[in-house]
Amino acid sequence: MLYGDGKVRKCIPVLSTWLADYMENVNIHGIKTNRCPVCIATPEQLGVLSKKPLAMHNHAAYKSLFLPGDMERYVSLVHKCGSEDG
């Protein structure tokens, strides 16, 4: 390769890539499958157009659950939602 100072130097490019199938990517990044990130649709409701909109996730409430000492509110929300998946 010819450099700006007029000298020729060897240049060895280093190429790398990361190969992973979809499920490996899901496992590495901790992505939940069969869940909607916006609404509270069940896996059976995904792909089906409903007549009325589903309730949305309350991300502010979820975020508040990670404050110290909020275990009681977490348990009550889990019981209200019916699962730990939220």
PDB file of N, CA and C in Angstrom:
ATOM      1  N   MET A   1       0.850  -1.166   0.000  1.00  0.00           N
ATOM      2  CA  MET A   1       0.000   0.000   0.000  1.00  0.00           C
ATOM      3  C   MET A   1       0.897   1.231   0.000  1.00  0.00           C
ATOM      4  N   LEU A   2       0.563   2.176  -0.820  1.00  0.00           N
ATOM      5  CA  LEU A   2       1.340   3.410  -0.934  1.00  0.00           C
ATOM      6  C   LEU A   2       0.830   4.432   0.078  1.00  0.00           C
ATOM      7  N   TYR A   3       1.702   4.861   0.990  1.00  0.00           N
ATOM      8  CA  TYR A   3       1.333   5.827   2.016  1.00  0.00           C
ATOM      9  C   TYR A   3       1.598   7.249   1.545  1.00  0.00           C
ATOM     10  N   GLY A   4       1.127   8.230   2.312  1.00  0.00           N
ATOM     11  CA  GLY A   4       1.270   9.640   1.962  1.00  0.00           C
ATOM     12  C   GLY A   4       2.710  10.117   1.904  1.00  0.00           C
ATOM     13  N   ASP A   5       3.625   9.461   2.616  1.00  0.00           N
ATOM     14  CA  ASP A   5       5.034   9.869   2.590  1.00  0.00           C
ATOM     15  C   ASP A   5       5.782   9.254   1.417  1.00  0.00           C
ATOM     16  N   GLY A   6       5.083   8.532   0.546  1.00  0.00           N
ATOM     17  CA  GLY A   6       5.692   7.953  -0.641  1.00  0.00           C
ATOM     18  C   GLY A   6       6.255   6.564  -0.445  1.00  0.00           C
ATOM     19  N   LYS A   7       6.241   6.042   0.764  1.00  0.00           N
ATOM     20  CA  LYS A   7       6.775   4.700   1.023  1.00  0.00           C
ATOM     21  C   LYS A   7       5.680   3.647   0.821  1.00  0.00           C
ATOM     22  N   VAL A   8       6.129   2.459   0.446  1.00  0.00           N
ATOM     23  CA  VAL A   8       5.215   1.335   0.271  1.00  0.00           C
ATOM     24  C   VAL A   8       5.320   0.452   1.509  1.00  0.00           C
ATOM     25  N   ARG A   9       4.203   0.155   2.109  1.00  0.00           N
ATOM     26  CA  ARG A   9       4.173  -0.679   3.301  1.00  0.00           C
ATOM     27  C   ARG A   9       3.184  -1.816   3.093  1.00  0.00           C
ATOM     28  N   LYS A  10       3.456  -2.923   3.793  1.00  0.00           N
ATOM     29  CA  LYS A  10       2.527  -4.046   3.751  1.00  0.00           C
ATOM     30  C   LYS A  10       1.314  -3.711   4.608  1.00  0.00           C
ATOM     31  N   CYS A  11       0.169  -4.021   4.090  1.00  0.00           N
ATOM     32  CA  CYS A  11      -1.065  -3.784   4.815  1.00  0.00           C
ATOM     33  C   CYS A  11      -1.844  -5.095   4.831  1.00  0.00           C
ATOM     34  N   ILE A  12      -2.114  -5.609   6.019  1.00  0.00           N
ATOM     35  CA  ILE A  12      -2.861  -6.852   6.166  1.00  0.00           C
ATOM     36  C   ILE A  12      -4.165  -6.525   6.885  1.00  0.00           C
ATOM     37  N   PRO A  13      -5.267  -6.456   6.137  1.00  0.00           N
ATOM     38  CA  PRO A  13      -6.538  -6.150   6.798  1.00  0.00           C
ATOM     39  C   PRO A  13      -7.009  -7.321   7.653  1.00  0.00           C
ATOM     40  N   VAL A  14      -7.579  -7.012   8.791  1.00  0.00           N
ATOM     41  CA  VAL A  14      -8.121  -8.032   9.681  1.00  0.00           C
ATOM     42  C   VAL A  14      -9.646  -7.955   9.580  1.00  0.00           C
ATOM     43  N   LEU A  15     -10.235  -9.022   9.129  1.00  0.00           N
ATOM     44  CA  LEU A  15     -11.683  -9.084   8.993  1.00  0.00           C
ATOM     45  C   LEU A  15     -12.229 -10.077  10.010  1.00  0.00           C
ATOM     46  N   SER A  16     -13.326  -9.736  10.585  1.00  0.00           N
ATOM     47  CA  SER A  16     -13.965 -10.675  11.502  1.00  0.00           C
ATOM     48  C   SER A  16     -15.465 -10.588  11.316  1.00  0.00           C
ATOM     49  N   THR A  17     -16.130 -11.622  11.718  1.00  0.00           N
ATOM     50  CA  THR A  17     -17.586 -11.660  11.650  1.00  0.00           C
ATOM     51  C   THR A  17     -18.101 -12.498  12.796  1.00  0.00           C
ATOM     52  N   TRP A  18     -19.364 -12.344  13.070  1.00  0.00           N
ATOM     53  CA  TRP A  18     -19.992 -13.125  14.128  1.00  0.00           C
ATOM     54  C   TRP A  18     -21.187 -13.819  13.520  1.00  0.00           C
ATOM     55  N   LEU A  19     -21.150 -15.124  13.510  1.00  0.00           N
ATOM     56  CA  LEU A  19     -22.239 -15.904  12.946  1.00  0.00           C
ATOM     57  C   LEU A  19     -23.071 -16.506  14.073  1.00  0.00           C
ATOM     58  N   ALA A  20     -24.369 -16.344  13.961  1.00  0.00           N
ATOM     59  CA  ALA A  20     -25.274 -16.952  14.940  1.00  0.00           C
ATOM     60  C   ALA A  20     -26.638 -17.096  14.291  1.00  0.00           C
ATOM     61  N   ASP A  21     -27.298 -18.178  14.590  1.00  0.00           N
ATOM     62  CA  ASP A  21     -28.655 -18.315  14.090  1.00  0.00           C
ATOM     63  C   ASP A  21     -29.592 -17.523  15.004  1.00  0.00           C
ATOM     64  N   TYR A  22     -30.851 -17.429  14.631  1.00  0.00           N
ATOM     65  CA  TYR A  22     -31.792 -16.597  15.365  1.00  0.00           C
ATOM     66  C   TYR A  22     -31.910 -17.009  16.832  1.00  0.00           C
ATOM     67  N   MET A  23     -32.093 -18.301  17.092  1.00  0.00           N
ATOM     68  CA  MET A  23     -32.285 -18.738  18.481  1.00  0.00           C
ATOM     69  C   MET A  23     -31.030 -18.522  19.323  1.00  0.00           C
ATOM     70  N   GLU A  24     -29.844 -18.650  18.727  1.00  0.00           N
ATOM     71  CA  GLU A  24     -28.619 -18.370  19.470  1.00  0.00           C
ATOM     72  C   GLU A  24     -28.560 -16.885  19.827  1.00  0.00           C
ATOM     73  N   ASN A  25     -28.948 -16.022  18.896  1.00  0.00           N
ATOM     74  CA  ASN A  25     -28.981 -14.588  19.146  1.00  0.00           C
ATOM     75  C   ASN A  25     -29.991 -14.259  20.248  1.00  0.00           C
ATOM     76  N   VAL A  26     -31.144 -14.907  20.228  1.00  0.00           N
ATOM     77  CA  VAL A  26     -32.159 -14.713  21.261  1.00  0.00           C
ATOM     78  C   VAL A  26     -31.592 -15.095  22.626  1.00  0.00           C
ATOM     79  N   ASN A  27     -30.899 -16.214  22.708  1.00  0.00           N
ATOM     80  CA  ASN A  27     -30.335 -16.663  23.987  1.00  0.00           C
ATOM     81  C   ASN A  27     -29.226 -15.746  24.478  1.00  0.00           C
ATOM     82  N   ILE A  28     -28.350 -15.311  23.589  1.00  0.00           N
ATOM     83  CA  ILE A  28     -27.234 -14.455  23.984  1.00  0.00           C
ATOM     84  C   ILE A  28     -27.723 -13.119  24.517  1.00  0.00           C
ATOM     85  N   HIS A  29     -28.716 -12.531  23.862  1.00  0.00           N
ATOM     86  CA  HIS A  29     -29.183 -11.197  24.239  1.00  0.00           C
ATOM     87  C   HIS A  29     -30.365 -11.207  25.203  1.00  0.00           C
ATOM     88  N   GLY A  30     -30.817 -12.390  25.609  1.00  0.00           N
ATOM     89  CA  GLY A  30     -31.899 -12.466  26.584  1.00  0.00           C
ATOM     90  C   GLY A  30     -33.228 -11.953  26.058  1.00  0.00           C
ATOM     91  N   ILE A  31     -33.499 -12.181  24.789  1.00  0.00           N
ATOM     92  CA  ILE A  31     -34.739 -11.718  24.168  1.00  0.00           C
ATOM     93  C   ILE A  31     -35.830 -12.742  24.423  1.00  0.00           C
ATOM     94  N   LYS A  32     -37.003 -12.283  24.814  1.00  0.00           N
ATOM     95  CA  LYS A  32     -38.132 -13.191  25.010  1.00  0.00           C
ATOM     96  C   LYS A  32     -38.802 -13.441  23.668  1.00  0.00           C
ATOM     97  N   THR A  33     -39.169 -14.675  23.432  1.00  0.00           N
ATOM     98  CA  THR A  33     -39.878 -14.999  22.205  1.00  0.00           C
ATOM     99  C   THR A  33     -41.365 -15.130  22.498  1.00  0.00           C
ATOM    100  N   ASN A  34     -42.164 -15.020  21.472  1.00  0.00           N
ATOM    101  CA  ASN A  34     -43.626 -15.108  21.575  1.00  0.00           C
ATOM    102  C   ASN A  34     -44.203 -14.086  22.542  1.00  0.00           C
ATOM    103  N   ARG A  35     -43.642 -12.903  22.575  1.00  0.00           N
ATOM    104  CA  ARG A  35     -44.143 -11.820  23.406  1.00  0.00           C
ATOM    105  C   ARG A  35     -44.163 -10.539  22.578  1.00  0.00           C
ATOM    106  N   CYS A  36     -45.119  -9.684  22.854  1.00  0.00           N
ATOM    107  CA  CYS A  36     -45.186  -8.378  22.201  1.00  0.00           C
ATOM    108  C   CYS A  36     -44.536  -7.354  23.128  1.00  0.00           C
ATOM    109  N   PRO A  37     -43.591  -6.543  22.637  1.00  0.00           N
ATOM    110  CA  PRO A  37     -42.958  -5.557  23.499  1.00  0.00           C
ATOM    111  C   PRO A  37     -43.843  -4.347  23.785  1.00  0.00           C
ATOM    112  N   VAL A  38     -44.968  -4.214  23.083  1.00  0.00           N
ATOM    113  CA  VAL A  38     -45.824  -3.039  23.223  1.00  0.00           C
ATOM    114  C   VAL A  38     -47.093  -3.334  24.018  1.00  0.00           C
ATOM    115  N   CYS A  39     -47.820  -4.385  23.630  1.00  0.00           N
ATOM    116  CA  CYS A  39     -49.089  -4.678  24.300  1.00  0.00           C
ATOM    117  C   CYS A  39     -48.985  -5.982  25.099  1.00  0.00           C
ATOM    118  N   ILE A  40     -50.059  -6.340  25.785  1.00  0.00           N
ATOM    119  CA  ILE A  40     -50.040  -7.522  26.649  1.00  0.00           C
ATOM    120  C   ILE A  40     -50.667  -8.735  25.956  1.00  0.00           C
ATOM    121  N   ALA A  41     -50.478  -8.849  24.663  1.00  0.00           N
ATOM    122  CA  ALA A  41     -51.023  -9.986  23.907  1.00  0.00           C
ATOM    123  C   ALA A  41     -50.386 -11.292  24.369  1.00  0.00           C
ATOM    124  N   THR A  42     -51.193 -12.326  24.434  1.00  0.00           N
ATOM    125  CA  THR A  42     -50.683 -13.654  24.741  1.00  0.00           C
ATOM    126  C   THR A  42     -50.086 -14.245  23.470  1.00  0.00           C
ATOM    127  N   PRO A  43     -49.268 -15.279  23.571  1.00  0.00           N
ATOM    128  CA  PRO A  43     -48.714 -15.881  22.354  1.00  0.00           C
ATOM    129  C   PRO A  43     -49.795 -16.332  21.365  1.00  0.00           C
ATOM    130  N   GLU A  44     -50.956 -16.762  21.866  1.00  0.00           N
ATOM    131  CA  GLU A  44     -52.039 -17.191  20.982  1.00  0.00           C
ATOM    132  C   GLU A  44     -52.664 -16.020  20.235  1.00  0.00           C
ATOM    133  N   GLN A  45     -52.584 -14.804  20.790  1.00  0.00           N
ATOM    134  CA  GLN A  45     -53.180 -13.633  20.166  1.00  0.00           C
ATOM    135  C   GLN A  45     -52.262 -12.982  19.138  1.00  0.00           C
ATOM    136  N   LEU A  46     -51.000 -13.345  19.118  1.00  0.00           N
ATOM    137  CA  LEU A  46     -50.070 -12.750  18.157  1.00  0.00           C
ATOM    138  C   LEU A  46     -50.455 -13.169  16.744  1.00  0.00           C
ATOM    139  N   GLY A  47     -50.479 -12.224  15.828  1.00  0.00           N
ATOM    140  CA  GLY A  47     -50.816 -12.511  14.441  1.00  0.00           C
ATOM    141  C   GLY A  47     -52.301 -12.497  14.153  1.00  0.00           C
ATOM    142  N   VAL A  48     -53.122 -12.256  15.180  1.00  0.00           N
ATOM    143  CA  VAL A  48     -54.572 -12.197  15.004  1.00  0.00           C
ATOM    144  C   VAL A  48     -55.010 -10.757  15.215  1.00  0.00           C
ATOM    145  N   LEU A  49     -55.749 -10.208  14.256  1.00  0.00           N
ATOM    146  CA  LEU A  49     -56.231  -8.839  14.368  1.00  0.00           C
ATOM    147  C   LEU A  49     -57.451  -8.819  15.276  1.00  0.00           C
ATOM    148  N   SER A  50     -57.332  -8.170  16.423  1.00  0.00           N
ATOM    149  CA  SER A  50     -58.449  -8.124  17.368  1.00  0.00           C
ATOM    150  C   SER A  50     -59.355  -6.946  17.048  1.00  0.00           C
ATOM    151  N   LYS A  51     -60.608  -7.046  17.470  1.00  0.00           N
ATOM    152  CA  LYS A  51     -61.588  -5.988  17.203  1.00  0.00           C
ATOM    153  C   LYS A  51     -61.350  -4.770  18.080  1.00  0.00           C
ATOM    154  N   LYS A  52     -60.830  -4.975  19.275  1.00  0.00           N
ATOM    155  CA  LYS A  52     -60.515  -3.846  20.155  1.00  0.00           C
ATOM    156  C   LYS A  52     -59.040  -3.909  20.531  1.00  0.00           C
ATOM    157  N   PRO A  53     -58.409  -2.758  20.744  1.00  0.00           N
ATOM    158  CA  PRO A  53     -56.975  -2.759  21.081  1.00  0.00           C
ATOM    159  C   PRO A  53     -56.715  -3.385  22.449  1.00  0.00           C
ATOM    160  N   LEU A  54     -55.598  -4.041  22.547  1.00  0.00           N
ATOM    161  CA  LEU A  54     -55.192  -4.645  23.818  1.00  0.00           C
ATOM    162  C   LEU A  54     -54.526  -3.594  24.698  1.00  0.00           C
ATOM    163  N   ALA A  55     -54.516  -3.855  25.990  1.00  0.00           N
ATOM    164  CA  ALA A  55     -53.864  -2.942  26.930  1.00  0.00           C
ATOM    165  C   ALA A  55     -52.362  -2.915  26.668  1.00  0.00           C
ATOM    166  N   MET A  56     -51.775  -1.777  26.924  1.00  0.00           N
ATOM    167  CA  MET A  56     -50.341  -1.601  26.713  1.00  0.00           C
ATOM    168  C   MET A  56     -49.578  -1.934  27.997  1.00  0.00           C
ATOM    169  N   HIS A  57     -48.317  -2.335  27.834  1.00  0.00           N
ATOM    170  CA  HIS A  57     -47.444  -2.542  28.995  1.00  0.00           C
ATOM    171  C   HIS A  57     -47.219  -1.208  29.682  1.00  0.00           C
ATOM    172  N   ASN A  58     -47.175  -1.214  31.004  1.00  0.00           N
ATOM    173  CA  ASN A  58     -46.901  -0.016  31.779  1.00  0.00           C
ATOM    174  C   ASN A  58     -45.430  -0.063  32.186  1.00  0.00           C
ATOM    175  N   HIS A  59     -44.559   0.427  31.300  1.00  0.00           N
ATOM    176  CA  HIS A  59     -43.121   0.341  31.530  1.00  0.00           C
ATOM    177  C   HIS A  59     -42.673   1.178  32.730  1.00  0.00           C
ATOM    178  N   ALA A  60     -43.372   2.270  33.003  1.00  0.00           N
ATOM    179  CA  ALA A  60     -43.012   3.080  34.171  1.00  0.00           C
ATOM    180  C   ALA A  60     -43.243   2.285  35.458  1.00  0.00           C
ATOM    181  N   ALA A  61     -44.339   1.523  35.502  1.00  0.00           N
ATOM    182  CA  ALA A  61     -44.602   0.690  36.690  1.00  0.00           C
ATOM    183  C   ALA A  61     -43.555  -0.405  36.809  1.00  0.00           C
ATOM    184  N   TYR A  62     -43.168  -1.016  35.691  1.00  0.00           N
ATOM    185  CA  TYR A  62     -42.144  -2.064  35.721  1.00  0.00           C
ATOM    186  C   TYR A  62     -40.813  -1.494  36.215  1.00  0.00           C
ATOM    187  N   LYS A  63     -40.472  -0.305  35.739  1.00  0.00           N
ATOM    188  CA  LYS A  63     -39.207   0.319  36.142  1.00  0.00           C
ATOM    189  C   LYS A  63     -39.191   0.604  37.638  1.00  0.00           C
ATOM    190  N   SER A  64     -40.335   1.036  38.175  1.00  0.00           N
ATOM    191  CA  SER A  64     -40.394   1.358  39.603  1.00  0.00           C
ATOM    192  C   SER A  64     -40.215   0.115  40.468  1.00  0.00           C
ATOM    193  N   LEU A  65     -40.469  -1.052  39.903  1.00  0.00           N
ATOM    194  CA  LEU A  65     -40.336  -2.289  40.669  1.00  0.00           C
ATOM    195  C   LEU A  65     -38.887  -2.625  40.997  1.00  0.00           C
ATOM    196  N   PHE A  66     -37.951  -2.029  40.287  1.00  0.00           N
ATOM    197  CA  PHE A  66     -36.549  -2.336  40.498  1.00  0.00           C
ATOM    198  C   PHE A  66     -35.888  -1.406  41.504  1.00  0.00           C
ATOM    199  N   LEU A  67     -36.679  -0.584  42.166  1.00  0.00           N
ATOM    200  CA  LEU A  67     -36.140   0.245  43.237  1.00  0.00           C
ATOM    201  C   LEU A  67     -36.032  -0.605  44.494  1.00  0.00           C
ATOM    202  N   PRO A  68     -35.083  -0.319  45.361  1.00  0.00           N
ATOM    203  CA  PRO A  68     -34.924  -1.122  46.579  1.00  0.00           C
ATOM    204  C   PRO A  68     -36.181  -1.081  47.448  1.00  0.00           C
ATOM    205  N   GLY A  69     -36.558  -2.234  48.000  1.00  0.00           N
ATOM    206  CA  GLY A  69     -37.669  -2.308  48.930  1.00  0.00           C
ATOM    207  C   GLY A  69     -39.041  -2.402  48.301  1.00  0.00           C
ATOM    208  N   ASP A  70     -39.143  -2.690  47.030  1.00  0.00           N
ATOM    209  CA  ASP A  70     -40.439  -2.746  46.362  1.00  0.00           C
ATOM    210  C   ASP A  70     -40.925  -4.174  46.126  1.00  0.00           C
ATOM    211  N   MET A  71     -40.500  -5.112  46.928  1.00  0.00           N
ATOM    212  CA  MET A  71     -40.863  -6.509  46.715  1.00  0.00           C
ATOM    213  C   MET A  71     -42.373  -6.726  46.844  1.00  0.00           C
ATOM    214  N   GLU A  72     -43.027  -6.049  47.795  1.00  0.00           N
ATOM    215  CA  GLU A  72     -44.475  -6.223  47.981  1.00  0.00           C
ATOM    216  C   GLU A  72     -45.246  -5.772  46.741  1.00  0.00           C
ATOM    217  N   ARG A  73     -44.855  -4.642  46.166  1.00  0.00           N
ATOM    218  CA  ARG A  73     -45.526  -4.160  44.947  1.00  0.00           C
ATOM    219  C   ARG A  73     -45.271  -5.106  43.784  1.00  0.00           C
ATOM    220  N   TYR A  74     -44.078  -5.671  43.706  1.00  0.00           N
ATOM    221  CA  TYR A  74     -43.772  -6.638  42.651  1.00  0.00           C
ATOM    222  C   TYR A  74     -44.675  -7.860  42.765  1.00  0.00           C
ATOM    223  N   VAL A  75     -44.815  -8.389  43.965  1.00  0.00           N
ATOM    224  CA  VAL A  75     -45.650  -9.574  44.177  1.00  0.00           C
ATOM    225  C   VAL A  75     -47.101  -9.268  43.825  1.00  0.00           C
ATOM    226  N   SER A  76     -47.608  -8.098  44.226  1.00  0.00           N
ATOM    227  CA  SER A  76     -49.001  -7.760  43.915  1.00  0.00           C
ATOM    228  C   SER A  76     -49.208  -7.590  42.419  1.00  0.00           C
ATOM    229  N   LEU A  77     -48.245  -7.026  41.717  1.00  0.00           N
ATOM    230  CA  LEU A  77     -48.370  -6.868  40.264  1.00  0.00           C
ATOM    231  C   LEU A  77     -48.305  -8.216  39.564  1.00  0.00           C
ATOM    232  N   VAL A  78     -47.470  -9.112  40.053  1.00  0.00           N
ATOM    233  CA  VAL A  78     -47.381 -10.450  39.471  1.00  0.00           C
ATOM    234  C   VAL A  78     -48.715 -11.166  39.621  1.00  0.00           C
ATOM    235  N   HIS A  79     -49.320 -11.079  40.792  1.00  0.00           N
ATOM    236  CA  HIS A  79     -50.617 -11.727  41.008  1.00  0.00           C
ATOM    237  C   HIS A  79     -51.699 -11.070  40.159  1.00  0.00           C
ATOM    238  N   LYS A  80     -51.627  -9.773  39.988  1.00  0.00           N
ATOM    239  CA  LYS A  80     -52.616  -9.044  39.189  1.00  0.00           C
ATOM    240  C   LYS A  80     -52.506  -9.437  37.717  1.00  0.00           C
ATOM    241  N   CYS A  81     -51.279  -9.564  37.199  1.00  0.00           N
ATOM    242  CA  CYS A  81     -51.056  -9.911  35.802  1.00  0.00           C
ATOM    243  C   CYS A  81     -51.249 -11.414  35.556  1.00  0.00           C
ATOM    244  N   GLY A  82     -51.049 -12.203  36.574  1.00  0.00           N
ATOM    245  CA  GLY A  82     -51.233 -13.643  36.428  1.00  0.00           C
ATOM    246  C   GLY A  82     -49.977 -14.408  36.079  1.00  0.00           C
ATOM    247  N   SER A  83     -48.841 -13.711  35.912  1.00  0.00           N
ATOM    248  CA  SER A  83     -47.592 -14.410  35.636  1.00  0.00           C
ATOM    249  C   SER A  83     -46.428 -13.494  35.947  1.00  0.00           C
ATOM    250  N   GLU A  84     -45.224 -14.070  35.958  1.00  0.00           N
ATOM    251  CA  GLU A  84     -44.025 -13.274  36.188  1.00  0.00           C
ATOM    252  C   GLU A  84     -43.525 -12.625  34.911  1.00  0.00           C
ATOM    253  N   ASP A  85     -44.110 -12.966  33.746  1.00  0.00           N
ATOM    254  CA  ASP A  85     -43.638 -12.411  32.480  1.00  0.00           C
ATOM    255  C   ASP A  85     -44.071 -10.974  32.295  1.00  0.00           C
ATOM    256  N   GLY A  86     -45.128 -10.531  32.957  1.00  0.00           N
ATOM    257  CA  GLY A  86     -45.589  -9.149  32.875  1.00  0.00           C
ATOM    258  C   GLY A  86     -46.186  -8.881  31.585  1.00  0.00           C
TER     259      GLY A  86
END
